[in-house]
Structures are given as C-alpha cells and as structure tokens.
C-alpha cells in the first residue's frame, strides 16, 4: 500500500483581502467583478470592474462564462453578497477568487 502525505498546506480557493492587497492584485489585470445590482454599479464602481448582479436569476450562467483557471477579484457593497458569490464560484470550480474585505464601502 502506498501512502502519500503532503507536507504543504493547500491554498484556499477564496481569500478575503484588505483594500491594500486588493489594489496590489489589481495590478495583475485579473478580471474584476462587481456583484452588486446595476443600480448600485451605476452610482459608482471600481475602475475596470464588470457588473454581474449576484441577485440576477442568471448569475451562475454569467459567472460560469469567465475563465475558471484565472484568478478573479470580486466585491459587493459590504461583503455579504461577494462572500456568497465566492462560495458559488468555488463550487463551480474556480481556482482562485479574491474578495475585497468590506466591499465597495471600504474602497
């Protein structure tokens, strides 16, 4: 019987990061997704963010069109919807999702 033991810890798929870290990650040109409603998005958003409304009935379909192997940056207003969106993204097979702690209000 062969037993393989991993010495390293596996990195989590979803990481909630502070604003400063989020800004550094943005320099990599990872896709940036705003999961707020279109109305919230129209009132202000982070530069280069695409809007995919978490509350839309086709959210899973829209998010599934993204490259699951590429790291993604996501945010909402305060962190609730983006945390739920990140969990869905992990379940769909995304490899890495960075969530902005505190959302747009923290921006």
C-alpha atoms as a PDB file:
ATOM      1  CA  UNK A   1       0.000   0.000   0.000  1.00  0.00           C
ATOM      2  CA  UNK A   2       1.276   3.430  -0.965  1.00  0.00           C
ATOM      3  CA  UNK A   3       0.559   6.379   1.313  1.00  0.00           C
ATOM      4  CA  UNK A   4       1.245   9.875   0.046  1.00  0.00           C
ATOM      5  CA  UNK A   5       1.484  12.661   2.575  1.00  0.00           C
ATOM      6  CA  UNK A   6       1.551  16.297   1.568  1.00  0.00           C
ATOM      7  CA  UNK A   7       3.917  18.500   3.505  1.00  0.00           C
ATOM      8  CA  UNK A   8       2.497  21.759   2.224  1.00  0.00           C
ATOM      9  CA  UNK A   9      -0.850  23.270   3.002  1.00  0.00           C
ATOM     10  CA  UNK A  10      -3.275  23.758   0.154  1.00  0.00           C
ATOM     11  CA  UNK A  11      -4.067  27.389  -0.551  1.00  0.00           C
ATOM     12  CA  UNK A  12      -7.715  28.312  -0.085  1.00  0.00           C
ATOM     13  CA  UNK A  13      -9.710  28.989  -3.241  1.00  0.00           C
ATOM     14  CA  UNK A  14     -11.368  32.066  -1.743  1.00  0.00           C
ATOM     15  CA  UNK A  15      -9.360  34.708   0.096  1.00  0.00           C
ATOM     16  CA  UNK A  16     -10.852  37.814   1.647  1.00  0.00           C
ATOM     17  CA  UNK A  17      -8.204  40.519   1.430  1.00  0.00           C
ATOM     18  CA  UNK A  18      -7.745  44.050   2.707  1.00  0.00           C
ATOM     19  CA  UNK A  19      -8.048  47.044   0.366  1.00  0.00           C
ATOM     20  CA  UNK A  20      -4.256  47.472   0.079  1.00  0.00           C
ATOM     21  CA  UNK A  21      -3.765  43.837  -1.002  1.00  0.00           C
ATOM     22  CA  UNK A  22      -6.720  44.102  -3.394  1.00  0.00           C
ATOM     23  CA  UNK A  23      -5.095  47.138  -5.049  1.00  0.00           C
ATOM     24  CA  UNK A  24      -1.832  45.215  -5.498  1.00  0.00           C
ATOM     25  CA  UNK A  25      -3.726  42.265  -7.010  1.00  0.00           C
ATOM     26  CA  UNK A  26      -5.485  44.644  -9.424  1.00  0.00           C
ATOM     27  CA  UNK A  27      -2.084  45.439 -10.951  1.00  0.00           C
ATOM     28  CA  UNK A  28      -2.087  41.879 -12.390  1.00  0.00           C
ATOM     29  CA  UNK A  29      -5.083  42.761 -14.597  1.00  0.00           C
ATOM     30  CA  UNK A  30      -7.156  39.926 -13.173  1.00  0.00           C
ATOM     31  CA  UNK A  31     -10.835  40.219 -14.108  1.00  0.00           C
ATOM     32  CA  UNK A  32     -12.631  42.454 -11.610  1.00  0.00           C
ATOM     33  CA  UNK A  33     -16.282  41.640 -10.932  1.00  0.00           C
ATOM     34  CA  UNK A  34     -18.787  43.864  -9.115  1.00  0.00           C
ATOM     35  CA  UNK A  35     -21.635  41.623  -7.922  1.00  0.00           C
ATOM     36  CA  UNK A  36     -23.923  44.476  -6.832  1.00  0.00           C
ATOM     37  CA  UNK A  37     -27.116  45.453  -8.660  1.00  0.00           C
ATOM     38  CA  UNK A  38     -26.854  47.504 -11.862  1.00  0.00           C
ATOM     39  CA  UNK A  39     -28.350  50.456  -9.948  1.00  0.00           C
ATOM     40  CA  UNK A  40     -25.595  50.271  -7.306  1.00  0.00           C
ATOM     41  CA  UNK A  41     -22.962  49.870 -10.019  1.00  0.00           C
ATOM     42  CA  UNK A  42     -24.262  52.966 -11.844  1.00  0.00           C
ATOM     43  CA  UNK A  43     -23.803  55.004  -8.655  1.00  0.00           C
ATOM     44  CA  UNK A  44     -20.069  54.226  -8.607  1.00  0.00           C
ATOM     45  CA  UNK A  45     -17.692  51.322  -9.101  1.00  0.00           C
ATOM     46  CA  UNK A  46     -14.025  50.403  -9.018  1.00  0.00           C
ATOM     47  CA  UNK A  47     -12.267  51.232 -12.292  1.00  0.00           C
ATOM     48  CA  UNK A  48     -12.325  48.367 -14.852  1.00  0.00           C
ATOM     49  CA  UNK A  49     -14.982  46.398 -12.939  1.00  0.00           C
ATOM     50  CA  UNK A  50     -17.594  44.415 -14.851  1.00  0.00           C
ATOM     51  CA  UNK A  51     -21.038  44.125 -13.315  1.00  0.00           C
ATOM     52  CA  UNK A  52     -22.568  40.681 -12.807  1.00  0.00           C
ATOM     53  CA  UNK A  53     -25.543  41.053 -10.464  1.00  0.00           C
ATOM     54  CA  UNK A  54     -25.485  38.382  -7.744  1.00  0.00           C
ATOM     55  CA  UNK A  55     -29.267  38.674  -7.374  1.00  0.00           C
ATOM     56  CA  UNK A  56     -29.947  38.118 -11.089  1.00  0.00           C
ATOM     57  CA  UNK A  57     -31.578  34.780 -11.955  1.00  0.00           C
ATOM     58  CA  UNK A  58     -28.793  34.045 -14.461  1.00  0.00           C
ATOM     59  CA  UNK A  59     -25.889  34.846 -12.104  1.00  0.00           C
ATOM     60  CA  UNK A  60     -24.493  31.291 -12.225  1.00  0.00           C
ATOM     61  CA  UNK A  61     -24.681  31.244 -16.036  1.00  0.00           C
ATOM     62  CA  UNK A  62     -22.980  34.634 -16.336  1.00  0.00           C
ATOM     63  CA  UNK A  63     -20.206  33.846 -13.858  1.00  0.00           C
ATOM     64  CA  UNK A  64     -19.613  30.444 -15.480  1.00  0.00           C
ATOM     65  CA  UNK A  65     -18.611  32.184 -18.725  1.00  0.00           C
ATOM     66  CA  UNK A  66     -15.460  33.501 -17.039  1.00  0.00           C
ATOM     67  CA  UNK A  67     -12.103  31.704 -17.153  1.00  0.00           C
ATOM     68  CA  UNK A  68     -12.185  29.448 -14.091  1.00  0.00           C
ATOM     69  CA  UNK A  69      -8.419  28.917 -14.162  1.00  0.00           C
ATOM     70  CA  UNK A  70      -7.594  32.630 -13.885  1.00  0.00           C
ATOM     71  CA  UNK A  71      -7.679  34.408 -10.514  1.00  0.00           C
ATOM     72  CA  UNK A  72     -10.655  36.744 -10.147  1.00  0.00           C
ATOM     73  CA  UNK A  73     -11.274  39.792  -7.977  1.00  0.00           C
ATOM     74  CA  UNK A  74     -14.806  40.362  -6.667  1.00  0.00           C
ATOM     75  CA  UNK A  75     -16.632  42.825  -4.441  1.00  0.00           C
ATOM     76  CA  UNK A  76     -20.114  43.933  -3.457  1.00  0.00           C
ATOM     77  CA  UNK A  77     -21.320  46.757  -1.222  1.00  0.00           C
ATOM     78  CA  UNK A  78     -20.151  45.476   2.164  1.00  0.00           C
ATOM     79  CA  UNK A  79     -19.036  41.868   1.749  1.00  0.00           C
ATOM     80  CA  UNK A  80     -22.178  39.760   2.147  1.00  0.00           C
ATOM     81  CA  UNK A  81     -23.068  39.109  -1.479  1.00  0.00           C
ATOM     82  CA  UNK A  82     -19.458  38.766  -2.593  1.00  0.00           C
ATOM     83  CA  UNK A  83     -18.865  36.106   0.082  1.00  0.00           C
ATOM     84  CA  UNK A  84     -21.893  34.167  -1.206  1.00  0.00           C
ATOM     85  CA  UNK A  85     -20.783  34.699  -4.808  1.00  0.00           C
ATOM     86  CA  UNK A  86     -17.280  33.474  -3.967  1.00  0.00           C
ATOM     87  CA  UNK A  87     -18.705  30.314  -2.403  1.00  0.00           C
ATOM     88  CA  UNK A  88     -20.737  29.655  -5.566  1.00  0.00           C
ATOM     89  CA  UNK A  89     -17.658  30.295  -7.700  1.00  0.00           C
ATOM     90  CA  UNK A  90     -15.657  27.819  -5.640  1.00  0.00           C
ATOM     91  CA  UNK A  91     -18.410  25.201  -6.048  1.00  0.00           C
ATOM     92  CA  UNK A  92     -18.390  25.799  -9.825  1.00  0.00           C
ATOM     93  CA  UNK A  93     -14.667  25.032  -9.972  1.00  0.00           C
ATOM     94  CA  UNK A  94     -12.943  28.416  -9.972  1.00  0.00           C
ATOM     95  CA  UNK A  95      -9.305  28.034  -8.916  1.00  0.00           C
ATOM     96  CA  UNK A  96      -8.770  31.379  -7.121  1.00  0.00           C
ATOM     97  CA  UNK A  97     -11.105  34.171  -6.008  1.00  0.00           C
ATOM     98  CA  UNK A  98     -10.010  37.269  -4.105  1.00  0.00           C
ATOM     99  CA  UNK A  99     -12.798  39.101  -2.292  1.00  0.00           C
ATOM    100  CA  UNK A 100     -12.475  42.717  -1.140  1.00  0.00           C
ATOM    101  CA  UNK A 101     -12.981  42.875   2.630  1.00  0.00           C
ATOM    102  CA  UNK A 102     -15.712  45.356   3.477  1.00  0.00           C
ATOM    103  CA  UNK A 103     -16.729  45.706  -0.174  1.00  0.00           C
ATOM    104  CA  UNK A 104     -17.143  48.958  -2.076  1.00  0.00           C
ATOM    105  CA  UNK A 105     -17.948  50.836   1.135  1.00  0.00           C
ATOM    106  CA  UNK A 106     -14.395  50.063   2.268  1.00  0.00           C
ATOM    107  CA  UNK A 107     -12.936  51.219  -1.028  1.00  0.00           C
END
